[in-house]
Protein backbone atom coordinates (compact mmCIF):
# COMPACT_ATOMS: atom_id res chain seq x y z
CA UNK A 1 0.00 0.00 0.00
CA UNK A 2 2.92 2.34 0.64
CA UNK A 3 4.03 2.32 -3.00
CA UNK A 4 0.45 2.81 -4.23
CA UNK A 5 0.01 5.79 -1.91
CA UNK A 6 3.36 7.23 -2.96
CA UNK A 7 2.39 6.87 -6.63
CA UNK A 8 -0.89 8.73 -6.01
CA UNK A 9 0.91 11.57 -4.19
CA UNK A 10 3.40 11.84 -7.05
CA UNK A 11 0.54 11.96 -9.58
CA UNK A 12 -1.28 14.66 -7.59
CA UNK A 13 1.86 16.78 -7.31
CA UNK A 14 2.39 16.44 -11.07
CA UNK A 15 -1.11 17.79 -11.73
CA UNK A 16 -0.66 20.94 -9.65
CA UNK A 17 -0.52 24.11 -11.70
CA UNK A 18 2.65 26.10 -11.30
CA UNK A 19 1.88 29.70 -10.37
CA UNK A 20 4.32 32.45 -11.30
CA UNK A 21 4.39 35.93 -9.77
CA UNK A 22 5.60 38.99 -11.67
CA UNK A 23 5.45 42.60 -10.55
CA UNK A 24 6.61 46.03 -11.51
CA UNK A 25 6.22 49.78 -11.39
CA UNK A 26 5.55 52.12 -14.29
CA UNK A 27 4.76 55.79 -14.92
CA UNK A 28 1.37 56.68 -16.35
CA UNK A 29 0.80 58.88 -19.36
CA UNK A 30 -1.99 61.41 -19.74
CA UNK A 31 -4.98 60.47 -21.92
CA UNK A 32 -7.15 63.45 -21.01
CA UNK A 33 -7.87 65.31 -17.79
CA UNK A 34 -9.81 62.36 -16.41
CA UNK A 35 -7.57 59.40 -17.25
CA UNK A 36 -3.93 58.43 -17.27
CA UNK A 37 -2.86 55.04 -18.61
CA UNK A 38 0.02 52.65 -18.97
CA UNK A 39 0.40 49.51 -21.09
CA UNK A 40 2.09 46.82 -18.98
CA UNK A 41 4.00 44.07 -20.77
CA UNK A 42 4.78 41.10 -18.56
CA UNK A 43 8.48 40.15 -18.58
CA UNK A 44 7.44 36.53 -19.19
CA UNK A 45 4.21 35.51 -20.93
CA UNK A 46 1.68 33.39 -19.03
CA UNK A 47 0.13 30.15 -20.25
CA UNK A 48 -3.35 31.37 -19.26
CA UNK A 49 -4.80 34.78 -18.37
CA UNK A 50 -3.27 35.79 -15.00
CA UNK A 51 -4.86 37.60 -12.10
CA UNK A 52 -3.60 41.20 -12.04
CA UNK A 53 -3.86 43.74 -9.23
CA UNK A 54 -2.64 47.33 -9.53
CA UNK A 55 -2.27 50.21 -7.14
CA UNK A 56 -1.76 53.91 -7.73
CA UNK A 57 1.20 55.76 -6.26
CA UNK A 58 1.05 59.53 -6.18
CA UNK A 59 4.12 61.70 -5.90
CA UNK A 60 1.79 64.59 -5.05
CA UNK A 61 0.73 65.54 -1.54
CA UNK A 62 -2.54 67.27 -2.29
CA UNK A 63 -6.26 66.62 -1.98
CA UNK A 64 -6.52 65.15 -5.49
CA UNK A 65 -5.00 61.84 -4.43
CA UNK A 66 -7.86 60.91 -2.08
CA UNK A 67 -10.44 60.80 -4.87
CA UNK A 68 -8.43 58.87 -7.48
CA UNK A 69 -9.24 55.40 -8.73
CA UNK A 70 -7.28 52.68 -10.47
CA UNK A 71 -8.53 50.05 -12.93
CA UNK A 72 -6.94 47.07 -14.73
CA UNK A 73 -8.32 46.31 -18.20
CA UNK A 74 -7.61 44.21 -21.29
CA UNK A 75 -5.66 41.49 -19.45
CA UNK A 76 -3.97 38.98 -21.74
CA UNK A 77 -1.24 36.39 -21.34
CA UNK A 78 1.36 39.01 -22.29
CA UNK A 79 0.16 42.18 -20.55
CA UNK A 80 -2.63 44.54 -19.58
CA UNK A 81 -3.62 48.21 -19.45
CA UNK A 82 -3.89 50.09 -16.18
CA UNK A 83 -5.79 53.34 -15.82
CA UNK A 84 -5.64 56.04 -13.16
CA UNK A 85 -8.87 58.02 -12.95
CA UNK A 86 -9.95 61.36 -11.48
CA UNK A 87 -13.70 62.10 -11.64
CA UNK A 88 -12.98 65.85 -11.53
CA UNK A 89 -10.50 65.82 -14.43
CA UNK A 90 -7.43 67.22 -12.68
CA UNK A 91 -4.66 64.70 -13.37
CA UNK A 92 -3.24 66.04 -16.63
CA UNK A 93 0.03 67.34 -15.22
CA UNK A 94 0.36 65.21 -12.09
CA UNK A 95 2.98 62.49 -11.69
CA UNK A 96 1.34 59.14 -10.97
CA UNK A 97 2.91 55.71 -10.99
CA UNK A 98 1.31 52.29 -11.02
CA UNK A 99 2.57 49.28 -9.10
CA UNK A 100 1.25 45.96 -10.32
CA UNK A 101 1.42 42.27 -9.52
CA UNK A 102 0.35 39.40 -11.78
CA UNK A 103 -0.11 35.76 -10.75
CA UNK A 104 -0.85 32.94 -13.13
CA UNK A 105 0.06 29.66 -14.71
CA UNK A 106 3.24 29.35 -16.72
CA UNK A 107 4.56 26.62 -19.00
């Protein structure tokens, strides 16, 4: 029974998906007064669509930063777009960076 159990454990471990974490930081570019964006290209492509989370970093110390939002869109195996948003349209000349992390299956 020991060998049979060992064989089953080996088979289960072989079926586990290997998850790979990539992360980075990038500067946004102005689209209009309401949006800034950045196209992220993953250093290594994923086998399937990864889960991506992004956060906005502001180099400003003003009241604008408390109302900003961040959104990840168009996720593919090779990258995604990240948007910084201001509902009042005041981020045209501000310096905002995005930090991101992607987790997914690799070959």
